[in-house]
């Protein structure tokens, strides 16, 4: 499985998880079967509210899911329209999220649990 995690740096498993999906400076992708990591710079990280276009940077990356702390409804809808699920995990590093995924300790994000109007619950 290839999971995408929004991060603040390009340090592979040691990267810190960014607080929010769309504004992350980087997307760290982990292939859980091969334990390999790659990083994609998010050139759309600075955008006006509601203008997040994650698939513009993630297209062709072969990801199966996104795991993050928080995500807006529109970004979630974009991912879902592209056949991807998003999961919530409250972790500080990529390696912690990978472990949480392996342990089944993540929850699927829904429109009800996504952020609205700059508020994340």
PDB file of N, CA and C in Angstrom:
ATOM      1  N   UNK A   1       0.844  -1.177   0.000  1.00  0.00           N
ATOM      2  CA  UNK A   1       0.000   0.000   0.000  1.00  0.00           C
ATOM      3  C   UNK A   1       0.893   1.245   0.000  1.00  0.00           C
ATOM      4  N   UNK A   2       0.519   2.213  -0.810  1.00  0.00           N
ATOM      5  CA  UNK A   2       1.257   3.484  -0.862  1.00  0.00           C
ATOM      6  C   UNK A   2       0.420   4.561  -0.188  1.00  0.00           C
ATOM      7  N   UNK A   3       0.942   5.069   0.929  1.00  0.00           N
ATOM      8  CA  UNK A   3       0.215   6.107   1.659  1.00  0.00           C
ATOM      9  C   UNK A   3       0.940   7.441   1.531  1.00  0.00           C
ATOM     10  N   UNK A   4       0.156   8.487   1.435  1.00  0.00           N
ATOM     11  CA  UNK A   4       0.674   9.850   1.326  1.00  0.00           C
ATOM     12  C   UNK A   4       0.437  10.553   2.660  1.00  0.00           C
ATOM     13  N   UNK A   5       1.493  11.192   3.177  1.00  0.00           N
ATOM     14  CA  UNK A   5       1.420  11.884   4.457  1.00  0.00           C
ATOM     15  C   UNK A   5       1.918  13.314   4.251  1.00  0.00           C
ATOM     16  N   UNK A   6       1.137  14.331   4.616  1.00  0.00           N
ATOM     17  CA  UNK A   6       1.600  15.715   4.485  1.00  0.00           C
ATOM     18  C   UNK A   6       2.689  15.996   5.531  1.00  0.00           C
ATOM     19  N   UNK A   7       3.815  16.556   5.085  1.00  0.00           N
ATOM     20  CA  UNK A   7       4.936  16.761   6.002  1.00  0.00           C
ATOM     21  C   UNK A   7       5.539  18.161   5.877  1.00  0.00           C
ATOM     22  N   UNK A   8       6.348  18.507   6.871  1.00  0.00           N
ATOM     23  CA  UNK A   8       7.009  19.818   6.902  1.00  0.00           C
ATOM     24  C   UNK A   8       8.401  19.780   6.287  1.00  0.00           C
ATOM     25  N   UNK A   9       8.935  18.576   6.030  1.00  0.00           N
ATOM     26  CA  UNK A   9      10.300  18.469   5.516  1.00  0.00           C
ATOM     27  C   UNK A   9      10.454  17.219   4.656  1.00  0.00           C
ATOM     28  N   UNK A  10      11.625  17.103   4.059  1.00  0.00           N
ATOM     29  CA  UNK A  10      11.960  15.963   3.205  1.00  0.00           C
ATOM     30  C   UNK A  10      12.970  15.092   3.944  1.00  0.00           C
ATOM     31  N   UNK A  11      12.509  14.396   4.985  1.00  0.00           N
ATOM     32  CA  UNK A  11      13.389  13.561   5.800  1.00  0.00           C
ATOM     33  C   UNK A  11      12.883  12.127   5.905  1.00  0.00           C
ATOM     34  N   UNK A  12      12.097  11.705   4.901  1.00  0.00           N
ATOM     35  CA  UNK A  12      11.617  10.327   4.897  1.00  0.00           C
ATOM     36  C   UNK A  12      10.841   9.978   6.154  1.00  0.00           C
ATOM     37  N   UNK A  13      11.152   8.858   6.786  1.00  0.00           N
ATOM     38  CA  UNK A  13      10.401   8.426   7.969  1.00  0.00           C
ATOM     39  C   UNK A  13      10.557   9.363   9.161  1.00  0.00           C
ATOM     40  N   UNK A  14      11.594  10.209   9.142  1.00  0.00           N
ATOM     41  CA  UNK A  14      11.821  11.146  10.244  1.00  0.00           C
ATOM     42  C   UNK A  14      11.149  12.498  10.019  1.00  0.00           C
ATOM     43  N   UNK A  15      10.437  12.647   8.907  1.00  0.00           N
ATOM     44  CA  UNK A  15       9.746  13.914   8.622  1.00  0.00           C
ATOM     45  C   UNK A  15       8.640  14.154   9.635  1.00  0.00           C
ATOM     46  N   UNK A  16       8.480  15.418  10.006  1.00  0.00           N
ATOM     47  CA  UNK A  16       7.385  15.791  10.897  1.00  0.00           C
ATOM     48  C   UNK A  16       6.104  15.933  10.092  1.00  0.00           C
ATOM     49  N   UNK A  17       5.013  15.470  10.676  1.00  0.00           N
ATOM     50  CA  UNK A  17       3.713  15.551  10.027  1.00  0.00           C
ATOM     51  C   UNK A  17       3.209  16.987  10.115  1.00  0.00           C
ATOM     52  N   UNK A  18       2.756  17.515   8.989  1.00  0.00           N
ATOM     53  CA  UNK A  18       2.197  18.864   8.955  1.00  0.00           C
ATOM     54  C   UNK A  18       0.803  18.838   9.565  1.00  0.00           C
ATOM     55  N   UNK A  19       0.374  19.955  10.129  1.00  0.00           N
ATOM     56  CA  UNK A  19      -0.919  20.011  10.811  1.00  0.00           C
ATOM     57  C   UNK A  19      -2.107  19.817   9.875  1.00  0.00           C
ATOM     58  N   UNK A  20      -1.959  20.211   8.616  1.00  0.00           N
ATOM     59  CA  UNK A  20      -3.107  20.168   7.704  1.00  0.00           C
ATOM     60  C   UNK A  20      -2.662  19.678   6.333  1.00  0.00           C
ATOM     61  N   UNK A  21      -3.492  18.936   5.664  1.00  0.00           N
ATOM     62  CA  UNK A  21      -3.138  18.306   4.395  1.00  0.00           C
ATOM     63  C   UNK A  21      -2.789  19.293   3.288  1.00  0.00           C
ATOM     64  N   UNK A  22      -3.701  20.151   2.916  1.00  0.00           N
ATOM     65  CA  UNK A  22      -3.535  20.989   1.730  1.00  0.00           C
ATOM     66  C   UNK A  22      -2.411  21.995   1.783  1.00  0.00           C
ATOM     67  N   UNK A  23      -2.065  22.474   2.971  1.00  0.00           N
ATOM     68  CA  UNK A  23      -1.032  23.504   3.090  1.00  0.00           C
ATOM     69  C   UNK A  23       0.345  22.942   3.443  1.00  0.00           C
ATOM     70  N   UNK A  24       0.496  21.648   3.418  1.00  0.00           N
ATOM     71  CA  UNK A  24       1.784  21.023   3.741  1.00  0.00           C
ATOM     72  C   UNK A  24       2.832  21.375   2.688  1.00  0.00           C
ATOM     73  N   UNK A  25       4.056  21.668   3.106  1.00  0.00           N
ATOM     74  CA  UNK A  25       5.122  21.947   2.142  1.00  0.00           C
ATOM     75  C   UNK A  25       5.515  20.724   1.304  1.00  0.00           C
ATOM     76  N   UNK A  26       5.325  19.533   1.872  1.00  0.00           N
ATOM     77  CA  UNK A  26       5.713  18.299   1.183  1.00  0.00           C
ATOM     78  C   UNK A  26       4.658  17.216   1.396  1.00  0.00           C
ATOM     79  N   UNK A  27       4.674  16.246   0.510  1.00  0.00           N
ATOM     80  CA  UNK A  27       3.915  15.013   0.679  1.00  0.00           C
ATOM     81  C   UNK A  27       4.940  13.888   0.704  1.00  0.00           C
ATOM     82  N   UNK A  28       5.012  13.174   1.817  1.00  0.00           N
ATOM     83  CA  UNK A  28       5.904  12.020   1.912  1.00  0.00           C
ATOM     84  C   UNK A  28       5.082  10.775   1.616  1.00  0.00           C
ATOM     85  N   UNK A  29       5.564   9.992   0.676  1.00  0.00           N
ATOM     86  CA  UNK A  29       4.848   8.784   0.270  1.00  0.00           C
ATOM     87  C   UNK A  29       5.632   7.569   0.759  1.00  0.00           C
ATOM     88  N   UNK A  30       4.926   6.717   1.472  1.00  0.00           N
ATOM     89  CA  UNK A  30       5.537   5.496   1.993  1.00  0.00           C
ATOM     90  C   UNK A  30       4.893   4.298   1.326  1.00  0.00           C
ATOM     91  N   UNK A  31       5.733   3.423   0.788  1.00  0.00           N
ATOM     92  CA  UNK A  31       5.263   2.143   0.282  1.00  0.00           C
ATOM     93  C   UNK A  31       5.415   1.171   1.444  1.00  0.00           C
ATOM     94  N   UNK A  32       4.301   0.768   2.027  1.00  0.00           N
ATOM     95  CA  UNK A  32       4.366  -0.065   3.229  1.00  0.00           C
ATOM     96  C   UNK A  32       4.864  -1.482   2.944  1.00  0.00           C
ATOM     97  N   UNK A  33       4.778  -1.927   1.689  1.00  0.00           N
ATOM     98  CA  UNK A  33       5.249  -3.277   1.357  1.00  0.00           C
ATOM     99  C   UNK A  33       6.765  -3.331   1.209  1.00  0.00           C
ATOM    100  N   UNK A  34       7.370  -2.248   0.690  1.00  0.00           N
ATOM    101  CA  UNK A  34       8.822  -2.236   0.481  1.00  0.00           C
ATOM    102  C   UNK A  34       9.562  -1.378   1.499  1.00  0.00           C
ATOM    103  N   UNK A  35       8.804  -0.685   2.381  1.00  0.00           N
ATOM    104  CA  UNK A  35       9.380   0.209   3.391  1.00  0.00           C
ATOM    105  C   UNK A  35      10.281   1.275   2.763  1.00  0.00           C
ATOM    106  N   UNK A  36       9.830   1.806   1.616  1.00  0.00           N
ATOM    107  CA  UNK A  36      10.573   2.873   0.946  1.00  0.00           C
ATOM    108  C   UNK A  36       9.775   4.166   1.004  1.00  0.00           C
ATOM    109  N   UNK A  37      10.511   5.281   0.897  1.00  0.00           N
ATOM    110  CA  UNK A  37       9.897   6.600   1.010  1.00  0.00           C
ATOM    111  C   UNK A  37      10.322   7.475  -0.149  1.00  0.00           C
ATOM    112  N   UNK A  38       9.407   8.334  -0.579  1.00  0.00           N
ATOM    113  CA  UNK A  38       9.743   9.361  -1.558  1.00  0.00           C
ATOM    114  C   UNK A  38       9.001  10.628  -1.151  1.00  0.00           C
ATOM    115  N   UNK A  39       9.501  11.761  -1.599  1.00  0.00           N
ATOM    116  CA  UNK A  39       8.897  13.036  -1.228  1.00  0.00           C
ATOM    117  C   UNK A  39       8.565  13.844  -2.468  1.00  0.00           C
ATOM    118  N   UNK A  40       7.377  14.458  -2.434  1.00  0.00           N
ATOM    119  CA  UNK A  40       6.932  15.350  -3.498  1.00  0.00           C
ATOM    120  C   UNK A  40       6.731  16.726  -2.880  1.00  0.00           C
ATOM    121  N   UNK A  41       7.321  17.747  -3.479  1.00  0.00           N
ATOM    122  CA  UNK A  41       7.115  19.103  -2.984  1.00  0.00           C
ATOM    123  C   UNK A  41       5.708  19.558  -3.367  1.00  0.00           C
ATOM    124  N   UNK A  42       5.014  20.162  -2.419  1.00  0.00           N
ATOM    125  CA  UNK A  42       3.655  20.652  -2.672  1.00  0.00           C
ATOM    126  C   UNK A  42       3.749  22.108  -3.129  1.00  0.00           C
ATOM    127  N   UNK A  43       3.801  22.319  -4.425  1.00  0.00           N
ATOM    128  CA  UNK A  43       3.914  23.673  -4.962  1.00  0.00           C
ATOM    129  C   UNK A  43       2.598  24.439  -4.863  1.00  0.00           C
ATOM    130  N   UNK A  44       1.525  23.766  -4.431  1.00  0.00           N
ATOM    131  CA  UNK A  44       0.228  24.409  -4.233  1.00  0.00           C
ATOM    132  C   UNK A  44      -0.064  24.587  -2.749  1.00  0.00           C
ATOM    133  N   UNK A  45       0.955  24.519  -1.914  1.00  0.00           N
ATOM    134  CA  UNK A  45       0.769  24.596  -0.465  1.00  0.00           C
ATOM    135  C   UNK A  45       0.241  25.930   0.020  1.00  0.00           C
ATOM    136  N   UNK A  46       0.578  26.996  -0.690  1.00  0.00           N
ATOM    137  CA  UNK A  46       0.072  28.326  -0.312  1.00  0.00           C
ATOM    138  C   UNK A  46      -1.057  28.672  -1.263  1.00  0.00           C
ATOM    139  N   UNK A  47      -2.256  28.577  -0.746  1.00  0.00           N
ATOM    140  CA  UNK A  47      -3.430  28.825  -1.568  1.00  0.00           C
ATOM    141  C   UNK A  47      -4.507  29.477  -0.712  1.00  0.00           C
ATOM    142  N   UNK A  48      -5.451  30.116  -1.361  1.00  0.00           N
ATOM    143  CA  UNK A  48      -6.554  30.706  -0.625  1.00  0.00           C
ATOM    144  C   UNK A  48      -7.459  29.582  -0.128  1.00  0.00           C
ATOM    145  N   UNK A  49      -8.165  29.866   0.948  1.00  0.00           N
ATOM    146  CA  UNK A  49      -9.055  28.870   1.544  1.00  0.00           C
ATOM    147  C   UNK A  49     -10.025  28.340   0.490  1.00  0.00           C
ATOM    148  N   UNK A  50     -10.126  27.018   0.409  1.00  0.00           N
ATOM    149  CA  UNK A  50     -11.042  26.374  -0.522  1.00  0.00           C
ATOM    150  C   UNK A  50     -10.447  26.102  -1.888  1.00  0.00           C
ATOM    151  N   UNK A  51      -9.193  26.511  -2.111  1.00  0.00           N
ATOM    152  CA  UNK A  51      -8.582  26.333  -3.436  1.00  0.00           C
ATOM    153  C   UNK A  51      -7.512  25.248  -3.449  1.00  0.00           C
ATOM    154  N   UNK A  52      -7.542  24.381  -2.480  1.00  0.00           N
ATOM    155  CA  UNK A  52      -6.582  23.277  -2.406  1.00  0.00           C
ATOM    156  C   UNK A  52      -6.820  22.327  -3.576  1.00  0.00           C
ATOM    157  N   UNK A  53      -5.744  21.976  -4.274  1.00  0.00           N
ATOM    158  CA  UNK A  53      -5.847  21.044  -5.407  1.00  0.00           C
ATOM    159  C   UNK A  53      -4.812  19.939  -5.232  1.00  0.00           C
ATOM    160  N   UNK A  54      -5.017  19.061  -4.260  1.00  0.00           N
ATOM    161  CA  UNK A  54      -4.003  18.051  -3.971  1.00  0.00           C
ATOM    162  C   UNK A  54      -3.718  17.100  -5.128  1.00  0.00           C
ATOM    163  N   UNK A  55      -4.707  16.774  -5.909  1.00  0.00           N
ATOM    164  CA  UNK A  55      -4.490  15.813  -6.984  1.00  0.00           C
ATOM    165  C   UNK A  55      -3.602  16.376  -8.091  1.00  0.00           C
ATOM    166  N   UNK A  56      -3.492  17.700  -8.152  1.00  0.00           N
ATOM    167  CA  UNK A  56      -2.602  18.305  -9.145  1.00  0.00           C
ATOM    168  C   UNK A  56      -1.153  17.866  -8.894  1.00  0.00           C
ATOM    169  N   UNK A  57      -0.751  17.742  -7.645  1.00  0.00           N
ATOM    170  CA  UNK A  57       0.609  17.312  -7.314  1.00  0.00           C
ATOM    171  C   UNK A  57       0.715  15.800  -7.151  1.00  0.00           C
ATOM    172  N   UNK A  58      -0.358  15.144  -6.786  1.00  0.00           N
ATOM    173  CA  UNK A  58      -0.291  13.713  -6.482  1.00  0.00           C
ATOM    174  C   UNK A  58      -0.662  12.820  -7.662  1.00  0.00           C
ATOM    175  N   UNK A  59      -1.147  13.414  -8.742  1.00  0.00           N
ATOM    176  CA  UNK A  59      -1.517  12.625  -9.921  1.00  0.00           C
ATOM    177  C   UNK A  59      -0.298  11.836 -10.405  1.00  0.00           C
ATOM    178  N   UNK A  60      -0.504  10.582 -10.684  1.00  0.00           N
ATOM    179  CA  UNK A  60       0.575   9.731 -11.183  1.00  0.00           C
ATOM    180  C   UNK A  60       1.503   9.192 -10.107  1.00  0.00           C
ATOM    181  N   UNK A  61       1.246   9.516  -8.846  1.00  0.00           N
ATOM    182  CA  UNK A  61       2.130   9.054  -7.765  1.00  0.00           C
ATOM    183  C   UNK A  61       1.804   7.639  -7.311  1.00  0.00           C
ATOM    184  N   UNK A  62       0.659   7.119  -7.731  1.00  0.00           N
ATOM    185  CA  UNK A  62       0.302   5.744  -7.388  1.00  0.00           C
ATOM    186  C   UNK A  62      -0.113   5.540  -5.953  1.00  0.00           C
ATOM    187  N   UNK A  63      -0.560   6.613  -5.282  1.00  0.00           N
ATOM    188  CA  UNK A  63      -0.950   6.442  -3.879  1.00  0.00           C
ATOM    189  C   UNK A  63      -2.294   5.729  -3.776  1.00  0.00           C
ATOM    190  N   UNK A  64      -2.473   5.040  -2.648  1.00  0.00           N
ATOM    191  CA  UNK A  64      -3.718   4.342  -2.359  1.00  0.00           C
ATOM    192  C   UNK A  64      -4.569   5.084  -1.343  1.00  0.00           C
ATOM    193  N   UNK A  65      -3.918   5.884  -0.496  1.00  0.00           N
ATOM    194  CA  UNK A  65      -4.636   6.589   0.572  1.00  0.00           C
ATOM    195  C   UNK A  65      -3.792   7.752   1.087  1.00  0.00           C
ATOM    196  N   UNK A  66      -4.467   8.645   1.799  1.00  0.00           N
ATOM    197  CA  UNK A  66      -3.802   9.760   2.482  1.00  0.00           C
ATOM    198  C   UNK A  66      -4.052   9.582   3.969  1.00  0.00           C
ATOM    199  N   UNK A  67      -3.015   9.784   4.768  1.00  0.00           N
ATOM    200  CA  UNK A  67      -3.157   9.736   6.218  1.00  0.00           C
ATOM    201  C   UNK A  67      -2.628  11.060   6.748  1.00  0.00           C
ATOM    202  N   UNK A  68      -3.470  11.780   7.512  1.00  0.00           N
ATOM    203  CA  UNK A  68      -3.076  13.097   7.999  1.00  0.00           C
ATOM    204  C   UNK A  68      -3.776  13.426   9.313  1.00  0.00           C
ATOM    205  N   UNK A  69      -3.414  14.560   9.871  1.00  0.00           N
ATOM    206  CA  UNK A  69      -4.064  15.028  11.093  1.00  0.00           C
ATOM    207  C   UNK A  69      -5.415  15.663  10.790  1.00  0.00           C
ATOM    208  N   UNK A  70      -5.465  16.477   9.719  1.00  0.00           N
ATOM    209  CA  UNK A  70      -6.691  17.202   9.396  1.00  0.00           C
ATOM    210  C   UNK A  70      -6.752  17.492   7.901  1.00  0.00           C
ATOM    211  N   UNK A  71      -7.992  17.643   7.404  1.00  0.00           N
ATOM    212  CA  UNK A  71      -8.208  17.903   5.985  1.00  0.00           C
ATOM    213  C   UNK A  71      -9.569  18.570   5.824  1.00  0.00           C
ATOM    214  N   UNK A  72      -9.647  19.511   4.899  1.00  0.00           N
ATOM    215  CA  UNK A  72     -10.913  20.156   4.597  1.00  0.00           C
ATOM    216  C   UNK A  72     -11.813  19.254   3.778  1.00  0.00           C
ATOM    217  N   UNK A  73     -13.093  19.583   3.780  1.00  0.00           N
ATOM    218  CA  UNK A  73     -14.072  18.762   3.065  1.00  0.00           C
ATOM    219  C   UNK A  73     -13.815  18.721   1.561  1.00  0.00           C
ATOM    220  N   UNK A  74     -13.450  19.848   0.973  1.00  0.00           N
ATOM    221  CA  UNK A  74     -13.233  19.858  -0.476  1.00  0.00           C
ATOM    222  C   UNK A  74     -12.060  18.979  -0.877  1.00  0.00           C
ATOM    223  N   UNK A  75     -10.990  19.028  -0.113  1.00  0.00           N
ATOM    224  CA  UNK A  75      -9.845  18.160  -0.412  1.00  0.00           C
ATOM    225  C   UNK A  75     -10.258  16.693  -0.272  1.00  0.00           C
ATOM    226  N   UNK A  76     -11.019  16.394   0.775  1.00  0.00           N
ATOM    227  CA  UNK A  76     -11.505  15.029   0.977  1.00  0.00           C
ATOM    228  C   UNK A  76     -12.371  14.591  -0.207  1.00  0.00           C
ATOM    229  N   UNK A  77     -13.239  15.468  -0.660  1.00  0.00           N
ATOM    230  CA  UNK A  77     -14.091  15.147  -1.799  1.00  0.00           C
ATOM    231  C   UNK A  77     -13.262  14.906  -3.062  1.00  0.00           C
ATOM    232  N   UNK A  78     -12.215  15.711  -3.278  1.00  0.00           N
ATOM    233  CA  UNK A  78     -11.339  15.508  -4.442  1.00  0.00           C
ATOM    234  C   UNK A  78     -10.680  14.141  -4.388  1.00  0.00           C
ATOM    235  N   UNK A  79     -10.176  13.787  -3.234  1.00  0.00           N
ATOM    236  CA  UNK A  79      -9.529  12.480  -3.083  1.00  0.00           C
ATOM    237  C   UNK A  79     -10.534  11.359  -3.337  1.00  0.00           C
ATOM    238  N   UNK A  80     -11.703  11.458  -2.713  1.00  0.00           N
ATOM    239  CA  UNK A  80     -12.727  10.420  -2.874  1.00  0.00           C
ATOM    240  C   UNK A  80     -13.157  10.285  -4.323  1.00  0.00           C
ATOM    241  N   UNK A  81     -13.287  11.395  -5.048  1.00  0.00           N
ATOM    242  CA  UNK A  81     -13.663  11.344  -6.467  1.00  0.00           C
ATOM    243  C   UNK A  81     -12.606  10.613  -7.296  1.00  0.00           C
ATOM    244  N   UNK A  82     -11.359  10.630  -6.802  1.00  0.00           N
ATOM    245  CA  UNK A  82     -10.270   9.945  -7.497  1.00  0.00           C
ATOM    246  C   UNK A  82     -10.050   8.530  -6.948  1.00  0.00           C
ATOM    247  N   UNK A  83     -11.010   8.035  -6.178  1.00  0.00           N
ATOM    248  CA  UNK A  83     -10.944   6.666  -5.676  1.00  0.00           C
ATOM    249  C   UNK A  83     -10.023   6.467  -4.487  1.00  0.00           C
ATOM    250  N   UNK A  84      -9.666   7.550  -3.809  1.00  0.00           N
ATOM    251  CA  UNK A  84      -8.757   7.460  -2.669  1.00  0.00           C
ATOM    252  C   UNK A  84      -9.501   7.726  -1.368  1.00  0.00           C
ATOM    253  N   UNK A  85      -9.076   7.057  -0.329  1.00  0.00           N
ATOM    254  CA  UNK A  85      -9.633   7.295   0.998  1.00  0.00           C
ATOM    255  C   UNK A  85      -8.636   8.121   1.799  1.00  0.00           C
ATOM    256  N   UNK A  86      -9.163   8.827   2.781  1.00  0.00           N
ATOM    257  CA  UNK A  86      -8.321   9.596   3.692  1.00  0.00           C
ATOM    258  C   UNK A  86      -8.567   9.081   5.106  1.00  0.00           C
ATOM    259  N   UNK A  87      -7.492   9.059   5.868  1.00  0.00           N
ATOM    260  CA  UNK A  87      -7.560   8.579   7.238  1.00  0.00           C
ATOM    261  C   UNK A  87      -6.953   9.619   8.172  1.00  0.00           C
ATOM    262  N   UNK A  88      -7.472   9.660   9.388  1.00  0.00           N
ATOM    263  CA  UNK A  88      -6.974  10.576  10.410  1.00  0.00           C
ATOM    264  C   UNK A  88      -6.066   9.806  11.366  1.00  0.00           C
ATOM    265  N   UNK A  89      -4.923  10.441  11.672  1.00  0.00           N
ATOM    266  CA  UNK A  89      -3.998   9.881  12.652  1.00  0.00           C
ATOM    267  C   UNK A  89      -3.298  11.042  13.337  1.00  0.00           C
ATOM    268  N   UNK A  90      -3.352  11.083  14.629  1.00  0.00           N
ATOM    269  CA  UNK A  90      -2.698  12.145  15.389  1.00  0.00           C
ATOM    270  C   UNK A  90      -1.304  11.656  15.779  1.00  0.00           C
ATOM    271  N   UNK A  91      -0.335  11.986  14.931  1.00  0.00           N
ATOM    272  CA  UNK A  91       1.044  11.551  15.154  1.00  0.00           C
ATOM    273  C   UNK A  91       1.991  12.678  14.781  1.00  0.00           C
ATOM    274  N   UNK A  92       3.208  12.617  15.283  1.00  0.00           N
ATOM    275  CA  UNK A  92       4.191  13.673  15.038  1.00  0.00           C
ATOM    276  C   UNK A  92       5.104  13.394  13.859  1.00  0.00           C
ATOM    277  N   UNK A  93       5.377  12.119  13.581  1.00  0.00           N
ATOM    278  CA  UNK A  93       6.318  11.778  12.515  1.00  0.00           C
ATOM    279  C   UNK A  93       5.721  10.760  11.550  1.00  0.00           C
ATOM    280  N   UNK A  94       6.326  10.690  10.388  1.00  0.00           N
ATOM    281  CA  UNK A  94       5.907   9.724   9.378  1.00  0.00           C
ATOM    282  C   UNK A  94       6.037   8.307   9.925  1.00  0.00           C
ATOM    283  N   UNK A  95       7.123   7.999  10.589  1.00  0.00           N
ATOM    284  CA  UNK A  95       7.303   6.640  11.108  1.00  0.00           C
ATOM    285  C   UNK A  95       6.214   6.264  12.110  1.00  0.00           C
ATOM    286  N   UNK A  96       5.740   7.223  12.897  1.00  0.00           N
ATOM    287  CA  UNK A  96       4.643   6.943  13.829  1.00  0.00           C
ATOM    288  C   UNK A  96       3.366   6.626  13.065  1.00  0.00           C
ATOM    289  N   UNK A  97       3.096   7.366  11.986  1.00  0.00           N
ATOM    290  CA  UNK A  97       1.902   7.097  11.183  1.00  0.00           C
ATOM    291  C   UNK A  97       2.000   5.724  10.527  1.00  0.00           C
ATOM    292  N   UNK A  98       3.160   5.373  10.010  1.00  0.00           N
ATOM    293  CA  UNK A  98       3.330   4.058   9.385  1.00  0.00           C
ATOM    294  C   UNK A  98       3.035   2.953  10.397  1.00  0.00           C
ATOM    295  N   UNK A  99       3.514   3.114  11.619  1.00  0.00           N
ATOM    296  CA  UNK A  99       3.246   2.128  12.673  1.00  0.00           C
ATOM    297  C   UNK A  99       1.753   2.077  13.000  1.00  0.00           C
ATOM    298  N   UNK A 100       1.119   3.250  13.094  1.00  0.00           N
ATOM    299  CA  UNK A 100      -0.319   3.293  13.378  1.00  0.00           C
ATOM    300  C   UNK A 100      -1.115   2.579  12.278  1.00  0.00           C
ATOM    301  N   UNK A 101      -0.697   2.756  11.036  1.00  0.00           N
ATOM    302  CA  UNK A 101      -1.362   2.063   9.918  1.00  0.00           C
ATOM    303  C   UNK A 101      -1.210   0.560  10.062  1.00  0.00           C
ATOM    304  N   UNK A 102      -0.010   0.117  10.373  1.00  0.00           N
ATOM    305  CA  UNK A 102       0.249  -1.321  10.535  1.00  0.00           C
ATOM    306  C   UNK A 102      -0.565  -1.904  11.688  1.00  0.00           C
ATOM    307  N   UNK A 103      -0.778  -1.090  12.724  1.00  0.00           N
ATOM    308  CA  UNK A 103      -1.530  -1.535  13.900  1.00  0.00           C
ATOM    309  C   UNK A 103      -3.037  -1.366  13.738  1.00  0.00           C
ATOM    310  N   UNK A 104      -3.483  -0.769  12.633  1.00  0.00           N
ATOM    311  CA  UNK A 104      -4.904  -0.530  12.423  1.00  0.00           C
ATOM    312  C   UNK A 104      -5.460   0.562  13.320  1.00  0.00           C
ATOM    313  N   UNK A 105      -4.593   1.499  13.730  1.00  0.00           N
ATOM    314  CA  UNK A 105      -4.984   2.544  14.681  1.00  0.00           C
ATOM    315  C   UNK A 105      -5.280   3.881  14.004  1.00  0.00           C
ATOM    316  N   UNK A 106      -5.860   3.821  12.805  1.00  0.00           N
ATOM    317  CA  UNK A 106      -6.250   5.036  12.101  1.00  0.00           C
ATOM    318  C   UNK A 106      -7.745   4.952  11.812  1.00  0.00           C
ATOM    319  N   UNK A 107      -8.385   6.115  11.670  1.00  0.00           N
ATOM    320  CA  UNK A 107      -9.819   6.110  11.377  1.00  0.00           C
ATOM    321  C   UNK A 107     -10.080   6.783  10.044  1.00  0.00           C
ATOM    322  N   UNK A 108     -11.023   6.235   9.288  1.00  0.00           N
ATOM    323  CA  UNK A 108     -11.342   6.829   7.997  1.00  0.00           C
ATOM    324  C   UNK A 108     -12.003   8.188   8.199  1.00  0.00           C
ATOM    325  N   UNK A 109     -11.586   9.146   7.398  1.00  0.00           N
ATOM    326  CA  UNK A 109     -12.137  10.487   7.463  1.00  0.00           C
ATOM    327  C   UNK A 109     -13.400  10.542   6.602  1.00  0.00           C
ATOM    328  N   UNK A 110     -14.403  11.224   7.116  1.00  0.00           N
ATOM    329  CA  UNK A 110     -15.660  11.410   6.397  1.00  0.00           C
ATOM    330  C   UNK A 110     -15.941  12.902   6.279  1.00  0.00           C
ATOM    331  N   UNK A 111     -16.946  13.249   5.503  1.00  0.00           N
ATOM    332  CA  UNK A 111     -17.329  14.655   5.378  1.00  0.00           C
ATOM    333  C   UNK A 111     -17.676  15.237   6.743  1.00  0.00           C
ATOM    334  N   UNK A 112     -18.250  14.443   7.608  1.00  0.00           N
ATOM    335  CA  UNK A 112     -18.618  14.906   8.944  1.00  0.00           C
ATOM    336  C   UNK A 112     -17.400  15.144   9.843  1.00  0.00           C
ATOM    337  N   UNK A 113     -16.331  14.406   9.622  1.00  0.00           N
ATOM    338  CA  UNK A 113     -15.153  14.564  10.484  1.00  0.00           C
ATOM    339  C   UNK A 113     -14.076  15.462   9.861  1.00  0.00           C
ATOM    340  N   UNK A 114     -14.319  15.944   8.642  1.00  0.00           N
ATOM    341  CA  UNK A 114     -13.359  16.849   7.991  1.00  0.00           C
ATOM    342  C   UNK A 114     -13.503  18.257   8.575  1.00  0.00           C
ATOM    343  N   UNK A 115     -12.514  19.086   8.305  1.00  0.00           N
ATOM    344  CA  UNK A 115     -12.529  20.460   8.801  1.00  0.00           C
ATOM    345  C   UNK A 115     -13.519  21.305   8.013  1.00  0.00           C
ATOM    346  N   UNK A 116     -14.117  22.264   8.701  1.00  0.00           N
ATOM    347  CA  UNK A 116     -15.017  23.222   8.051  1.00  0.00           C
ATOM    348  C   UNK A 116     -14.721  24.623   8.536  1.00  0.00           C
ATOM    349  N   UNK A 117     -14.728  25.559   7.619  1.00  0.00           N
ATOM    350  CA  UNK A 117     -14.559  26.975   7.956  1.00  0.00           C
ATOM    351  C   UNK A 117     -13.359  27.235   8.853  1.00  0.00           C
ATOM    352  N   UNK A 118     -12.213  26.656   8.511  1.00  0.00           N
ATOM    353  CA  UNK A 118     -10.962  26.820   9.261  1.00  0.00           C
ATOM    354  C   UNK A 118     -11.005  26.184  10.655  1.00  0.00           C
ATOM    355  N   UNK A 119     -11.967  25.324  10.897  1.00  0.00           N
ATOM    356  CA  UNK A 119     -12.063  24.671  12.206  1.00  0.00           C
ATOM    357  C   UNK A 119     -11.864  23.175  12.029  1.00  0.00           C
ATOM    358  N   UNK A 120     -10.949  22.654  12.801  1.00  0.00           N
ATOM    359  CA  UNK A 120     -10.731  21.209  12.790  1.00  0.00           C
ATOM    360  C   UNK A 120     -11.074  20.674  14.149  1.00  0.00           C
ATOM    361  N   UNK A 121     -11.847  19.605  14.142  1.00  0.00           N
ATOM    362  CA  UNK A 121     -12.261  19.019  15.421  1.00  0.00           C
ATOM    363  C   UNK A 121     -11.496  17.772  15.711  1.00  0.00           C
TER     364      UNK A 121
END
